[in-house]
Protein backbone atom coordinates (compact mmCIF):
# COMPACT_ATOMS: atom_id res chain seq x y z
CA UNK A 1 8.43 22.61 32.34
CA UNK A 2 7.80 18.81 32.30
CA UNK A 3 7.19 16.65 29.29
CA UNK A 4 3.77 17.01 27.62
CA UNK A 5 1.36 14.21 28.46
CA UNK A 6 -2.23 13.32 29.41
CA UNK A 7 -3.91 11.85 32.48
CA UNK A 8 -4.21 8.05 32.64
CA UNK A 9 -2.52 5.51 30.36
CA UNK A 10 -0.16 2.59 30.89
CA UNK A 11 3.50 1.59 30.37
CA UNK A 12 3.56 -1.77 28.49
CA UNK A 13 6.79 -3.48 27.43
CA UNK A 14 8.00 -1.49 24.41
CA UNK A 15 9.68 -4.22 22.31
CA UNK A 16 11.05 -1.60 19.93
CA UNK A 17 14.66 -2.72 20.28
CA UNK A 18 13.93 -5.61 17.94
CA UNK A 19 13.60 -3.41 14.88
CA UNK A 20 14.28 0.26 15.74
CA UNK A 21 17.84 0.21 14.37
CA UNK A 22 16.95 -1.65 11.17
CA UNK A 23 16.84 0.77 8.20
CA UNK A 24 13.82 0.56 5.92
CA UNK A 25 14.34 -2.04 3.18
CA UNK A 26 12.46 -1.83 -0.11
CA UNK A 27 10.55 -5.05 -0.80
CA UNK A 28 9.62 -5.85 -4.44
CA UNK A 29 6.63 -8.20 -4.58
CA UNK A 30 6.70 -11.45 -6.47
CA UNK A 31 3.10 -12.74 -6.40
CA UNK A 32 -0.24 -11.36 -7.52
CA UNK A 33 -1.36 -8.04 -6.05
CA UNK A 34 -4.67 -7.56 -4.34
CA UNK A 35 -6.26 -4.11 -4.05
CA UNK A 36 -9.37 -4.06 -1.78
CA UNK A 37 -11.74 -1.25 -2.61
CA UNK A 38 -12.26 -0.68 1.16
CA UNK A 39 -8.96 0.52 2.60
CA UNK A 40 -10.44 3.53 4.36
CA UNK A 41 -13.29 4.68 6.55
CA UNK A 42 -16.33 5.41 4.41
CA UNK A 43 -17.83 4.15 1.18
CA UNK A 44 -15.79 1.59 -0.81
CA UNK A 45 -14.11 2.87 -3.97
CA UNK A 46 -15.65 1.94 -7.33
CA UNK A 47 -13.45 -0.18 -9.68
CA UNK A 48 -12.35 1.73 -12.81
CA UNK A 49 -10.88 -1.33 -14.59
CA UNK A 50 -12.16 -4.71 -15.75
CA UNK A 51 -10.69 -8.20 -16.19
CA UNK A 52 -8.04 -8.30 -18.87
CA UNK A 53 -7.13 -4.60 -18.64
CA UNK A 54 -3.46 -3.60 -18.64
CA UNK A 55 -2.57 -1.31 -15.72
CA UNK A 56 0.46 0.83 -14.75
CA UNK A 57 2.08 1.69 -11.47
CA UNK A 58 0.52 4.98 -10.31
CA UNK A 59 -2.73 4.43 -12.18
CA UNK A 60 -6.03 5.07 -10.39
CA UNK A 61 -7.91 1.76 -10.46
CA UNK A 62 -10.60 2.54 -7.81
CA UNK A 63 -12.46 5.87 -7.57
CA UNK A 64 -13.82 7.42 -4.36
CA UNK A 65 -17.56 6.83 -4.43
CA UNK A 66 -18.72 9.44 -1.94
CA UNK A 67 -17.61 12.40 0.13
CA UNK A 68 -16.04 10.08 2.77
CA UNK A 69 -14.20 7.67 0.47
CA UNK A 70 -10.75 7.42 -1.15
CA UNK A 71 -9.17 6.49 -4.48
CA UNK A 72 -7.17 3.30 -4.82
CA UNK A 73 -3.95 3.42 -6.84
CA UNK A 74 -2.19 0.48 -8.53
CA UNK A 75 1.39 0.00 -7.21
CA UNK A 76 2.65 -2.27 -10.03
CA UNK A 77 2.21 -2.73 -13.77
CA UNK A 78 0.48 -5.83 -15.06
CA UNK A 79 -2.91 -7.27 -16.03
CA UNK A 80 -6.19 -7.30 -14.13
CA UNK A 81 -6.89 -11.03 -13.43
CA UNK A 82 -10.18 -10.64 -11.59
CA UNK A 83 -12.44 -8.38 -9.55
CA UNK A 84 -13.76 -10.44 -6.66
CA UNK A 85 -14.15 -10.48 -2.84
CA UNK A 86 -10.94 -11.16 -0.96
CA UNK A 87 -10.34 -11.37 2.78
CA UNK A 88 -8.64 -8.42 4.51
CA UNK A 89 -6.86 -8.10 7.88
CA UNK A 90 -10.00 -7.52 9.98
CA UNK A 91 -11.41 -10.88 8.76
CA UNK A 92 -14.11 -9.48 6.47
CA UNK A 93 -14.37 -9.91 2.72
CA UNK A 94 -13.87 -6.83 0.53
CA UNK A 95 -14.43 -6.38 -3.22
CA UNK A 96 -10.88 -6.35 -4.63
CA UNK A 97 -9.06 -5.83 -7.92
CA UNK A 98 -6.52 -8.65 -8.51
CA UNK A 99 -3.49 -7.70 -10.64
CA UNK A 100 -0.98 -10.11 -12.14
CA UNK A 101 2.31 -8.30 -11.50
CA UNK A 102 4.48 -8.26 -14.69
CA UNK A 103 7.63 -7.39 -12.66
CA UNK A 104 8.40 -4.38 -14.88
CA UNK A 105 6.88 -1.63 -12.68
CA UNK A 106 6.11 0.55 -15.70
CA UNK A 107 4.66 3.82 -14.40
CA UNK A 108 2.08 6.34 -15.65
CA UNK A 109 3.52 9.33 -17.43
CA UNK A 110 4.84 12.10 -15.15
CA UNK A 111 5.11 9.95 -12.02
CA UNK A 112 7.83 11.31 -9.72
CA UNK A 113 8.05 14.75 -11.39
CA UNK A 114 9.11 17.63 -9.12
CA UNK A 115 6.39 20.19 -8.35
CA UNK A 116 6.72 23.42 -6.42
CA UNK A 117 3.93 23.63 -3.82
CA UNK A 118 4.31 27.43 -3.67
CA UNK A 119 2.77 27.66 -7.18
CA UNK A 120 -0.37 25.75 -6.10
CA UNK A 121 -3.65 27.12 -4.72
CA UNK A 122 -5.30 25.60 -1.65
CA UNK A 123 -7.93 23.99 -3.86
CA UNK A 124 -5.23 22.45 -6.09
CA UNK A 125 -3.37 20.98 -3.06
CA UNK A 126 -6.56 19.45 -1.68
CA UNK A 127 -7.47 18.01 -5.14
CA UNK A 128 -3.95 16.51 -5.46
CA UNK A 129 -4.26 14.84 -1.99
CA UNK A 130 -7.67 13.42 -2.94
CA UNK A 131 -6.47 12.19 -6.32
CA UNK A 132 -3.48 10.43 -4.63
CA UNK A 133 -5.74 8.31 -2.45
CA UNK A 134 -4.17 9.41 0.82
CA UNK A 135 -5.82 8.31 4.08
CA UNK A 136 -4.69 8.34 7.72
CA UNK A 137 -1.81 5.92 7.84
CA UNK A 138 -1.79 5.68 11.65
CA UNK A 139 -4.41 2.95 11.28
CA UNK A 140 -7.82 4.69 11.19
CA UNK A 141 -7.80 5.26 7.43
CA UNK A 142 -9.86 8.47 7.41
CA UNK A 143 -9.63 10.13 3.96
CA UNK A 144 -7.01 12.91 4.31
CA UNK A 145 -8.54 15.34 1.81
CA UNK A 146 -11.71 15.42 3.96
CA UNK A 147 -9.66 16.13 7.08
CA UNK A 148 -7.87 18.97 5.26
CA UNK A 149 -11.23 20.55 4.30
CA UNK A 150 -12.85 21.60 7.61
CA UNK A 151 -15.90 23.79 7.77
CA UNK A 152 -13.87 26.83 8.79
CA UNK A 153 -10.16 26.67 7.89
CA UNK A 154 -9.58 29.94 9.84
CA UNK A 155 -10.60 28.14 13.06
CA UNK A 156 -7.64 25.73 12.73
CA UNK A 157 -4.68 26.96 14.79
CA UNK A 158 -2.77 23.68 15.27
CA UNK A 159 -1.53 21.10 12.77
CA UNK A 160 -0.26 18.25 14.94
CA UNK A 161 2.02 15.63 13.44
CA UNK A 162 1.73 12.42 15.43
CA UNK A 163 5.28 11.06 15.90
CA UNK A 164 4.46 9.43 19.26
CA UNK A 165 4.32 5.84 17.88
CA UNK A 166 3.20 4.72 21.34
CA UNK A 167 2.03 1.24 20.28
CA UNK A 168 4.58 -1.36 21.44
CA UNK A 169 6.92 -2.99 18.89
CA UNK A 170 6.11 -0.55 16.02
CA UNK A 171 9.10 1.33 14.63
CA UNK A 172 8.07 2.32 11.07
CA UNK A 173 7.39 5.99 11.99
CA UNK A 174 10.66 6.15 13.97
CA UNK A 175 12.62 4.96 10.93
CA UNK A 176 10.94 7.57 8.74
CA UNK A 177 11.87 10.29 11.27
CA UNK A 178 15.47 9.10 11.15
CA UNK A 179 15.71 8.45 7.37
CA UNK A 180 13.39 10.98 5.69
CA UNK A 181 12.86 13.91 8.11
CA UNK A 182 12.98 16.43 5.22
CA UNK A 183 9.84 14.87 3.79
CA UNK A 184 8.00 15.20 7.13
CA UNK A 185 8.93 18.92 7.36
CA UNK A 186 8.14 19.40 3.67
CA UNK A 187 4.74 17.72 4.03
CA UNK A 188 3.92 19.79 7.14
CA UNK A 189 4.80 22.98 5.25
CA UNK A 190 2.39 21.94 2.49
CA UNK A 191 -0.41 21.47 5.09
CA UNK A 192 0.43 24.85 6.68
CA UNK A 193 -0.16 26.44 3.24
CA UNK A 194 -3.80 25.48 3.65
CA UNK A 195 -4.23 27.09 7.08
CA UNK A 196 -2.94 30.64 7.36
CA UNK A 197 -3.40 30.92 11.15
CA UNK A 198 -2.04 27.53 12.15
CA UNK A 199 1.18 26.47 13.85
CA UNK A 200 2.75 23.07 13.13
CA UNK A 201 3.83 20.84 16.06
CA UNK A 202 5.60 17.57 15.68
CA UNK A 203 4.92 15.48 18.80
CA UNK A 204 7.52 12.79 19.57
CA UNK A 205 7.79 10.56 22.64
CA UNK A 206 10.99 10.93 24.69
CA UNK A 207 11.99 7.30 24.07
CA UNK A 208 13.13 8.56 20.58
CA UNK A 209 15.87 11.06 21.51
CA UNK A 210 17.72 10.76 18.15
CA UNK A 211 14.51 11.58 16.20
CA UNK A 212 13.75 14.54 18.48
CA UNK A 213 17.27 15.87 18.00
CA UNK A 214 17.14 15.39 14.21
CA UNK A 215 13.75 17.07 13.72
CA UNK A 216 14.53 19.95 16.13
CA UNK A 217 17.62 20.72 14.06
CA UNK A 218 15.52 20.62 10.84
CA UNK A 219 12.88 23.04 12.10
CA UNK A 220 15.10 25.50 13.98
CA UNK A 221 14.68 28.14 11.26
CA UNK A 222 11.01 27.39 10.59
CA UNK A 223 8.95 30.04 12.47
CA UNK A 224 5.69 28.14 12.20
CA UNK A 225 6.97 24.68 13.19
CA UNK A 226 8.20 23.25 16.47
CA UNK A 227 8.94 19.86 18.03
CA UNK A 228 7.16 18.91 21.24
CA UNK A 229 8.70 16.24 23.46
CA UNK A 230 6.04 13.92 24.89
CA UNK A 231 6.28 11.61 27.87
CA UNK A 232 6.54 7.96 26.80
CA UNK A 233 3.22 6.51 27.74
CA UNK A 234 0.49 4.50 25.99
CA UNK A 235 -1.83 5.71 24.32
CA UNK A 236 0.04 9.01 23.87
CA UNK A 237 -0.44 8.71 20.12
CA UNK A 238 -4.24 8.50 20.35
CA UNK A 239 -5.76 11.57 18.68
CA UNK A 240 -7.50 12.79 21.85
CA UNK A 241 -4.47 12.06 24.07
CA UNK A 242 -2.12 13.91 21.70
CA UNK A 243 -4.35 16.98 21.37
CA UNK A 244 -4.73 17.15 25.17
CA UNK A 245 -0.98 16.69 25.82
CA UNK A 246 0.18 19.37 23.29
CA UNK A 247 -2.63 21.93 23.45
CA UNK A 248 -4.42 21.24 26.75
CA UNK A 249 -7.70 21.01 24.83
CA UNK A 250 -10.25 18.21 25.27
CA UNK A 251 -12.01 16.31 22.49
CA UNK A 252 -14.87 13.90 23.08
CA UNK A 253 -16.51 11.28 20.88
CA UNK A 254 -19.11 13.76 19.50
CA UNK A 255 -16.34 16.12 18.28
CA UNK A 256 -13.85 16.16 15.52
CA UNK A 257 -10.30 17.46 16.25
CA UNK A 258 -11.23 20.37 13.96
CA UNK A 259 -13.89 21.40 16.51
CA UNK A 260 -10.98 22.00 18.92
CA UNK A 261 -8.99 23.92 16.30
CA UNK A 262 -6.71 20.98 15.49
CA UNK A 263 -5.85 18.71 12.60
CA UNK A 264 -3.86 15.57 13.47
CA UNK A 265 -1.87 13.59 10.90
CA UNK A 266 0.44 10.63 11.33
CA UNK A 267 4.12 10.83 10.30
CA UNK A 268 3.68 8.63 7.24
CA UNK A 269 0.52 10.46 6.17
CA UNK A 270 2.50 13.75 6.15
CA UNK A 271 5.19 12.05 4.04
CA UNK A 272 2.45 10.80 1.66
CA UNK A 273 1.18 14.41 1.29
CA UNK A 274 4.75 15.59 0.48
CA UNK A 275 5.16 12.80 -2.12
CA UNK A 276 1.81 13.56 -3.77
CA UNK A 277 2.16 17.35 -3.85
CA UNK A 278 5.90 17.83 -4.32
CA UNK A 279 6.92 14.60 -6.16
CA UNK A 280 3.72 13.81 -8.20
CA UNK A 281 3.55 10.34 -6.57
CA UNK A 282 0.24 8.97 -5.26
CA UNK A 283 -0.03 6.63 -2.27
CA UNK A 284 1.31 3.28 -3.46
CA UNK A 285 3.44 2.08 -0.54
CA UNK A 286 3.40 1.54 3.21
CA UNK A 287 6.24 1.38 5.73
CA UNK A 288 5.62 -1.82 7.70
CA UNK A 289 7.38 -3.26 10.80
CA UNK A 290 7.70 -7.05 10.81
CA UNK A 291 8.66 -8.05 14.32
CA UNK A 292 8.20 -10.20 17.41
CA UNK A 293 10.08 -13.02 19.07
CA UNK A 294 8.89 -15.59 16.46
CA UNK A 295 10.54 -13.68 13.52
CA UNK A 296 14.10 -14.62 12.47
CA UNK A 297 15.12 -11.10 11.40
CA UNK A 298 12.75 -8.32 12.62
CA UNK A 299 12.92 -5.29 10.32
CA UNK A 300 11.08 -2.41 8.59
CA UNK A 301 9.99 -2.67 4.99
CA UNK A 302 8.89 -0.23 2.27
CA UNK A 303 6.05 -2.40 0.89
CA UNK A 304 3.96 -1.84 -2.20
CA UNK A 305 0.22 -1.76 -1.20
CA UNK A 306 -1.42 -4.99 -2.41
CA UNK A 307 1.56 -7.21 -1.49
CA UNK A 308 0.76 -10.50 0.22
CA UNK A 309 1.57 -10.59 4.01
CA UNK A 310 3.30 -13.99 3.65
CA UNK A 311 5.89 -12.31 1.38
CA UNK A 312 6.75 -9.90 4.21
CA UNK A 313 7.19 -12.74 6.67
CA UNK A 314 9.45 -14.55 4.19
CA UNK A 315 11.50 -11.35 3.59
CA UNK A 316 12.11 -11.10 7.37
CA UNK A 317 13.56 -14.60 7.37
CA UNK A 318 10.35 -16.45 8.16
CA UNK A 319 9.45 -17.88 11.57
CA UNK A 320 11.99 -19.17 14.14
CA UNK A 321 9.21 -21.44 15.34
CA UNK A 322 5.51 -21.62 14.61
CA UNK A 323 3.96 -18.55 16.27
CA UNK A 324 0.99 -18.94 18.57
CA UNK A 325 -0.27 -15.51 17.55
CA UNK A 326 0.26 -13.18 14.56
CA UNK A 327 -1.20 -9.68 14.93
CA UNK A 328 -1.81 -7.13 12.17
CA UNK A 329 -0.65 -4.01 14.05
CA UNK A 330 0.60 -3.78 17.60
CA UNK A 331 -0.29 -5.80 20.69
CA UNK A 332 -2.67 -3.19 22.19
CA UNK A 333 -4.92 -2.31 19.25
CA UNK A 334 -3.97 -4.74 16.50
CA UNK A 335 -6.05 -7.59 15.17
CA UNK A 336 -5.20 -11.31 15.60
CA UNK A 337 -4.81 -13.02 12.24
CA UNK A 338 -5.98 -16.49 11.32
CA UNK A 339 -4.55 -16.39 7.74
CA UNK A 340 -1.52 -14.73 6.20
CA UNK A 341 -2.86 -14.87 2.65
CA UNK A 342 -3.98 -11.24 3.12
CA UNK A 343 -2.92 -8.10 1.19
CA UNK A 344 -1.08 -5.21 2.82
CA UNK A 345 -3.48 -2.23 2.70
CA UNK A 346 -3.10 1.48 3.48
CA UNK A 347 -3.96 0.86 7.17
CA UNK A 348 -1.49 -1.95 7.92
CA UNK A 349 1.49 -0.70 9.93
CA UNK A 350 2.95 -3.90 11.32
CA UNK A 351 2.93 -7.70 11.57
CA UNK A 352 3.74 -8.85 15.11
CA UNK A 353 4.56 -12.53 15.42
CA UNK A 354 4.64 -13.96 18.93
CA UNK A 355 5.74 -17.45 20.02
CA UNK A 356 3.32 -17.38 22.98
CA UNK A 357 -0.26 -16.17 23.03
CA UNK A 358 -0.25 -14.74 26.55
CA UNK A 359 -3.80 -13.44 26.28
CA UNK A 360 -5.25 -16.90 25.50
CA UNK A 361 -3.29 -18.36 28.40
CA UNK A 362 -4.93 -15.94 30.87
CA UNK A 363 -7.68 -17.28 33.01
CA UNK A 364 -10.46 -14.77 33.74
CA UNK A 365 -11.34 -14.42 37.43
CA UNK A 366 -14.04 -12.24 39.13
CA UNK A 367 -13.53 -8.48 39.36
CA UNK A 368 -11.99 -7.44 42.73
CA UNK A 369 -13.02 -3.79 42.27
CA UNK A 370 -9.45 -2.57 42.65
CA UNK A 371 -10.02 0.48 40.41
CA UNK A 372 -6.85 0.02 38.33
CA UNK A 373 -8.92 0.20 35.12
CA UNK A 374 -10.37 3.53 36.18
CA UNK A 375 -6.90 5.02 36.87
CA UNK A 376 -5.53 3.75 33.58
CA UNK A 377 -8.41 4.95 31.36
CA UNK A 378 -7.31 7.95 29.25
CA UNK A 379 -10.99 8.79 28.53
CA UNK A 380 -11.73 9.05 32.32
CA UNK A 381 -14.69 6.66 32.22
CA UNK A 382 -15.40 3.71 34.60
CA UNK A 383 -14.62 0.36 32.86
CA UNK A 384 -15.73 -1.67 35.87
CA UNK A 385 -19.28 -0.27 35.62
CA UNK A 386 -19.31 -0.41 31.80
CA UNK A 387 -18.48 -4.11 31.97
CA UNK A 388 -21.59 -4.76 34.09
CA UNK A 389 -23.70 -3.08 31.39
CA UNK A 390 -21.88 -4.98 28.65
CA UNK A 391 -22.52 -8.35 30.26
CA UNK A 392 -26.23 -7.52 30.34
CA UNK A 393 -26.12 -6.12 26.77
CA UNK A 394 -27.69 -2.96 28.30
CA UNK A 395 -27.07 -0.32 25.64
CA UNK A 396 -28.97 2.38 27.49
CA UNK A 397 -26.89 1.95 30.69
CA UNK A 398 -23.71 1.65 28.64
CA UNK A 399 -24.41 5.05 27.00
CA UNK A 400 -25.31 6.60 30.36
CA UNK A 401 -21.91 5.56 31.64
CA UNK A 402 -20.28 7.36 28.66
CA UNK A 403 -19.28 4.04 27.16
CA UNK A 404 -19.17 5.63 23.70
CA UNK A 405 -16.20 7.74 24.89
CA UNK A 406 -14.10 4.53 24.98
CA UNK A 407 -11.14 4.72 22.56
CA UNK A 408 -10.73 0.92 22.55
CA UNK A 409 -7.07 1.50 23.44
CA UNK A 410 -6.78 -1.62 25.67
CA UNK A 411 -5.29 0.13 28.71
CA UNK A 412 -8.01 -1.22 31.09
CA UNK A 413 -7.55 -4.78 29.87
CA UNK A 414 -3.77 -4.43 30.21
CA UNK A 415 -3.87 -3.49 33.90
CA UNK A 416 -6.77 -5.71 35.00
CA UNK A 417 -5.48 -8.27 37.56
CA UNK A 418 -8.58 -10.38 36.97
CA UNK A 419 -7.67 -10.66 33.24
CA UNK A 420 -11.18 -9.61 32.12
CA UNK A 421 -11.64 -8.99 28.39
CA UNK A 422 -12.84 -5.41 29.01
CA UNK A 423 -11.80 -3.81 25.69
CA UNK A 424 -13.34 -6.60 23.59
CA UNK A 425 -16.63 -6.26 25.44
CA UNK A 426 -16.67 -2.45 25.00
CA UNK A 427 -15.83 -2.79 21.29
CA UNK A 428 -18.82 -5.10 20.81
CA UNK A 429 -21.07 -2.79 22.84
CA UNK A 430 -20.00 0.26 20.84
CA UNK A 431 -20.83 -1.60 17.61
CA UNK A 432 -24.25 -2.55 19.03
CA UNK A 433 -25.05 1.01 20.11
CA UNK A 434 -24.07 2.32 16.65
CA UNK A 435 -26.21 -0.31 14.96
CA UNK A 436 -29.18 0.65 17.15
CA UNK A 437 -28.67 4.32 16.32
CA UNK A 438 -28.64 3.53 12.61
CA UNK A 439 -31.90 1.54 12.93
CA UNK A 440 -33.56 4.47 14.72
CA UNK A 441 -32.28 6.93 12.09
């Protein structure tokens, strides 16, 4: 049997050799800490502290303000300096709690205490995950306690752990698979406690043979868990691509993975669940890859959420030369930055610093109708036709062409010989369609 995969996709330059063999290094922040109340999909958290309050590491400082929302946990001890809007990686301003770090890292009582998950009920596990402020750490930021509470838990027969890490340059998940595999297996076992009929599958691309070997060895005596080798291809780690590759099931934009009997969690999310449930430690840190040809010493860091991005750049030796582009995330789905005075949030997985901005150097030419974008599209839609609708701002035609099925993965833009900004146009159109739907509702 061949390696599990999906139809479509592309093979961009991987760039992982820059940081894949660099063990995760703990970075202790020096400056002020910034905690945006919007680090997740859904309603912003509500601040629980005020200016002048003393706070501790592990203390809840922002409370989920709706069903789709997530708590925000302080990662240092210190004093609240202000509550004010601060800029985040996507360029918007978010209401944020600013904490003056006292450098002592005094924790709340009981932080880090061992806890046996076998003694906990399903409701208790879900409550712990919610309290810990855990969201999808693959980048989407969907509140994990909501994902772990589907309408019918008996309909879930697959818990998929996304170890594909298909985005070029990123190596944080790979390092976790190499350094802390027992936490991945432990976290998956906690999730399986919630779903009596489910099987756990850890999907890993075959460009990570050491991680596959290590995790296969760890789960050889676990009857409900297996490792699935995936073909190395982008976007193999996309939720829909992963579900299709491992289970053969299809998920469209109107469905949740739970509708196909699946729950998908990223490697670091599963570790966060283990830490919250088994080690009484809420989500206070991120594993971040700092990489690219403009960085002196590309590496992976264990970073406290709220740390300034410039501190990470400095910890990786700074810039070899002034980069033309810095991206929060990877080159396919990340966001170009215009400022590094930005806090690391739950959804930041990487800082990619490039000496040349190859995208800006591209000159767009007319479409030659070669069909490469159609072959590459993992959603099996027709980017060349969608672009015609996008240029006319024709939402009705865009929807007729199944434009809302676009995953914004960038595969079409990557293969386009005419260098047309397809993905950017589709992203704008999807936002416009959603805004129109909200108006009608």
